[in-house]
Amino acid sequence: MRDAETPSSSLSDVFSQYFQTVSEYLGKQLPEKVKAEEIKTQAKAYLEQANEQFSPIAKRLHTEFMDLLTQLVETGKKAVQQWFGKCWYIHDLLKYEFALEFDIPVTYPSTAPEIAIPELDGKTAKMYRGGKICLTDHFKPLWARNVPKFGLAHLMALGLGPWLAVEIPDLIAKGLIEHKEK
């Protein structure tokens, strides 16, 4: 009699274990998976909505920045690619101002523009003919790694700024540059 009860009891144990597993899946695991899918769907909808809202803002910001840059740097009369403006450096509370020019190369943005400060031509070894400042060692590799993310603002901030910070105090100390009021 014991042998006859064993198969039926083991069969009922299997069915009860099966129903318990199915009920756990339907009660706990399935709703969690559905929630994960809902979260994915909501996240995707949020990203699409954010993209729709921020795209016009980004375009407007780009346009306004280019307008500002155009106001700060006057375009040259020879070609649209040639730009003129002013840069300055403050040393010992004295402002040293220099005429600045740069050409935007045909291969821009893959090639960084070259900045020239004609009035400093020949006064430092870190300058090429025509007053073009040397950016090859430090800035050009940085530009090459960040193409096409870098633009003219990066050229000024990460190229011209450090060059002025190194060279102008040295030129002042050597007596090659004097303040205009002296």
Protein backbone atom coordinates (compact mmCIF):
# COMPACT_ATOMS: atom_id res chain seq x y z
CA MET A 1 0.00 0.00 0.00
CA ARG A 2 2.86 2.27 0.68
CA ASP A 3 4.20 1.78 -2.81
CA ALA A 4 0.87 2.83 -4.30
CA GLU A 5 0.78 6.06 -2.27
CA THR A 6 4.26 7.12 -3.18
CA PRO A 7 3.67 7.73 -6.89
CA SER A 8 0.47 9.67 -6.33
CA SER A 9 1.97 11.74 -3.54
CA SER A 10 5.07 12.49 -5.61
CA LEU A 11 2.86 13.41 -8.55
CA SER A 12 0.82 15.73 -6.36
CA ASP A 13 4.11 17.22 -5.03
CA VAL A 14 5.27 17.86 -8.58
CA PHE A 15 1.96 19.52 -9.49
CA SER A 16 1.93 21.62 -6.34
CA GLN A 17 5.55 22.66 -6.93
CA TYR A 18 4.70 23.49 -10.57
CA PHE A 19 1.66 25.57 -9.59
CA GLN A 20 3.69 27.30 -6.87
CA THR A 21 6.42 28.19 -9.41
CA VAL A 22 3.84 29.41 -11.95
CA SER A 23 2.03 31.47 -9.33
CA GLU A 24 5.34 33.03 -8.17
CA TYR A 25 6.21 33.87 -11.75
CA LEU A 26 2.79 35.36 -12.47
CA GLY A 27 2.64 37.12 -9.09
CA LYS A 28 6.17 38.51 -8.74
CA GLN A 29 8.56 38.04 -11.65
CA LEU A 30 6.21 38.83 -14.56
CA PRO A 31 5.02 42.18 -13.12
CA GLU A 32 8.68 43.16 -12.48
CA LYS A 33 9.54 42.38 -16.11
CA VAL A 34 6.50 44.33 -17.30
CA LYS A 35 7.58 47.26 -15.10
CA ALA A 36 11.07 47.10 -16.62
CA GLU A 37 9.56 47.29 -20.10
CA GLU A 38 7.34 50.19 -18.99
CA ILE A 39 10.37 51.98 -17.58
CA LYS A 40 12.29 51.43 -20.84
CA THR A 41 9.33 52.78 -22.82
CA GLN A 42 8.98 55.79 -20.52
CA ALA A 43 12.72 56.50 -20.68
CA LYS A 44 12.68 56.34 -24.47
CA ALA A 45 9.68 58.69 -24.62
CA TYR A 46 11.40 61.07 -22.20
CA LEU A 47 14.60 61.13 -24.27
CA GLU A 48 12.64 61.79 -27.47
CA GLN A 49 10.73 64.60 -25.78
CA ALA A 50 13.93 66.10 -24.35
CA ASN A 51 15.57 65.93 -27.78
CA GLU A 52 12.58 67.69 -29.36
CA GLN A 53 12.70 70.43 -26.71
CA PHE A 54 16.48 70.94 -26.61
CA SER A 55 17.22 70.82 -30.34
CA PRO A 56 15.72 74.27 -31.06
CA ILE A 57 17.47 75.68 -27.98
CA ALA A 58 20.82 74.26 -29.11
CA LYS A 59 20.33 75.64 -32.64
CA ARG A 60 19.41 79.06 -31.26
CA LEU A 61 22.40 79.03 -28.91
CA HIS A 62 24.69 78.15 -31.82
CA THR A 63 23.26 80.96 -33.93
CA GLU A 64 23.56 83.49 -31.10
CA PHE A 65 27.13 82.40 -30.36
CA MET A 66 28.12 82.81 -34.00
CA ASP A 67 26.47 86.26 -34.03
CA LEU A 68 28.41 87.20 -30.89
CA LEU A 69 31.65 85.93 -32.38
CA THR A 70 30.98 87.89 -35.55
CA GLN A 71 30.45 91.05 -33.47
CA LEU A 72 33.66 90.49 -31.51
CA VAL A 73 35.81 89.66 -34.52
CA GLU A 74 35.35 91.73 -37.63
CA THR A 75 35.58 89.87 -40.95
CA GLY A 76 38.36 90.92 -43.30
CA LYS A 77 37.79 92.58 -46.63
CA LYS A 78 40.09 90.24 -48.61
CA ALA A 79 38.18 87.00 -48.06
CA VAL A 80 35.45 85.71 -45.83
CA GLN A 81 37.89 83.22 -44.30
CA GLN A 82 40.13 85.98 -42.89
CA TRP A 83 39.19 87.44 -39.51
CA PHE A 84 40.60 90.41 -37.56
CA GLY A 85 40.18 91.47 -33.98
CA LYS A 86 41.97 92.33 -30.73
CA CYS A 87 43.39 90.22 -27.96
CA TRP A 88 44.87 91.42 -24.69
CA TYR A 89 46.87 90.23 -21.74
CA ILE A 90 46.98 91.82 -18.29
CA HIS A 91 50.40 91.79 -16.63
CA ASP A 92 51.16 93.63 -13.37
CA LEU A 93 47.73 95.28 -13.64
CA LEU A 94 48.61 96.74 -17.04
CA LYS A 95 46.61 95.78 -20.11
CA TYR A 96 48.65 94.89 -23.18
CA GLU A 97 46.50 94.90 -26.32
CA PHE A 98 47.44 93.37 -29.67
CA ALA A 99 45.90 93.18 -33.13
CA LEU A 100 44.86 89.63 -33.93
CA GLU A 101 44.12 87.92 -37.21
CA PHE A 102 43.47 84.39 -38.32
CA ASP A 103 42.45 82.58 -41.45
CA ILE A 104 39.90 79.81 -41.40
CA PRO A 105 41.42 77.04 -43.55
CA VAL A 106 39.47 75.37 -46.32
CA THR A 107 39.74 72.08 -44.40
CA TYR A 108 38.21 73.56 -41.21
CA PRO A 109 37.19 72.01 -38.78
CA SER A 110 39.59 69.12 -39.38
CA THR A 111 42.47 71.64 -39.47
CA ALA A 112 42.86 74.27 -36.75
CA PRO A 113 43.14 77.90 -37.88
CA GLU A 114 46.49 79.65 -37.42
CA ILE A 115 46.48 82.76 -35.22
CA ALA A 116 48.72 85.69 -36.10
CA ILE A 117 49.74 88.68 -33.97
CA PRO A 118 51.67 90.71 -36.57
CA GLU A 119 53.11 93.31 -34.18
CA LEU A 120 54.96 90.57 -32.26
CA ASP A 121 56.53 89.11 -35.41
CA GLY A 122 60.19 88.25 -34.84
CA LYS A 123 60.15 89.00 -31.09
CA THR A 124 59.89 85.39 -29.92
CA ALA A 125 61.12 82.01 -31.11
CA LYS A 126 57.64 80.57 -30.63
CA MET A 127 56.35 82.37 -33.69
CA TYR A 128 56.45 81.75 -37.43
CA ARG A 129 56.89 84.23 -40.27
CA GLY A 130 54.07 86.74 -40.47
CA GLY A 131 53.46 86.73 -36.73
CA LYS A 132 51.74 83.34 -36.62
CA ILE A 133 52.00 81.88 -33.15
CA CYS A 134 53.34 78.36 -32.64
CA LEU A 135 50.53 76.00 -31.64
CA THR A 136 51.97 72.77 -33.10
CA ASP A 137 53.39 71.19 -29.92
CA HIS A 138 50.47 71.54 -27.54
CA PHE A 139 47.27 72.78 -29.15
CA LYS A 140 47.21 71.09 -32.57
CA PRO A 141 47.34 67.52 -31.17
CA LEU A 142 44.52 68.46 -28.78
CA TRP A 143 42.54 69.87 -31.72
CA ALA A 144 43.14 66.71 -33.77
CA ARG A 145 41.83 64.49 -30.94
CA ASN A 146 38.66 66.57 -30.57
CA VAL A 147 37.64 67.15 -34.21
CA PRO A 148 34.82 68.15 -34.93
CA LYS A 149 33.86 69.14 -31.37
CA PHE A 150 36.36 72.00 -31.15
CA GLY A 151 35.67 75.39 -32.69
CA LEU A 152 36.93 78.96 -32.68
CA ALA A 153 36.21 79.49 -28.98
CA HIS A 154 38.47 76.53 -28.18
CA LEU A 155 41.13 78.01 -30.46
CA MET A 156 41.09 81.23 -28.46
CA ALA A 157 40.77 79.69 -24.99
CA LEU A 158 43.08 76.70 -25.37
CA GLY A 159 45.44 77.97 -28.06
CA LEU A 160 45.85 81.75 -27.84
CA GLY A 161 45.27 82.10 -24.07
CA PRO A 162 48.07 79.79 -22.91
CA TRP A 163 50.43 81.17 -25.55
CA LEU A 164 49.84 84.72 -24.32
CA ALA A 165 50.25 83.59 -20.69
CA VAL A 166 53.70 82.14 -21.44
CA GLU A 167 55.11 84.53 -24.02
CA ILE A 168 53.90 88.01 -23.03
CA PRO A 169 55.46 88.07 -19.52
CA ASP A 170 58.72 86.79 -21.04
CA LEU A 171 58.70 89.48 -23.75
CA ILE A 172 57.95 92.15 -21.14
CA ALA A 173 60.81 90.91 -18.92
CA LYS A 174 63.21 91.06 -21.90
CA GLY A 175 62.06 94.60 -22.70
CA LEU A 176 60.75 93.66 -26.15
CA ILE A 177 57.24 94.89 -25.30
CA GLU A 178 56.42 98.08 -23.43
CA HIS A 179 53.06 99.25 -22.20
CA LYS A 180 51.55 101.96 -24.41
CA GLU A 181 51.26 104.44 -21.50
CA LYS A 182 54.97 104.23 -20.57
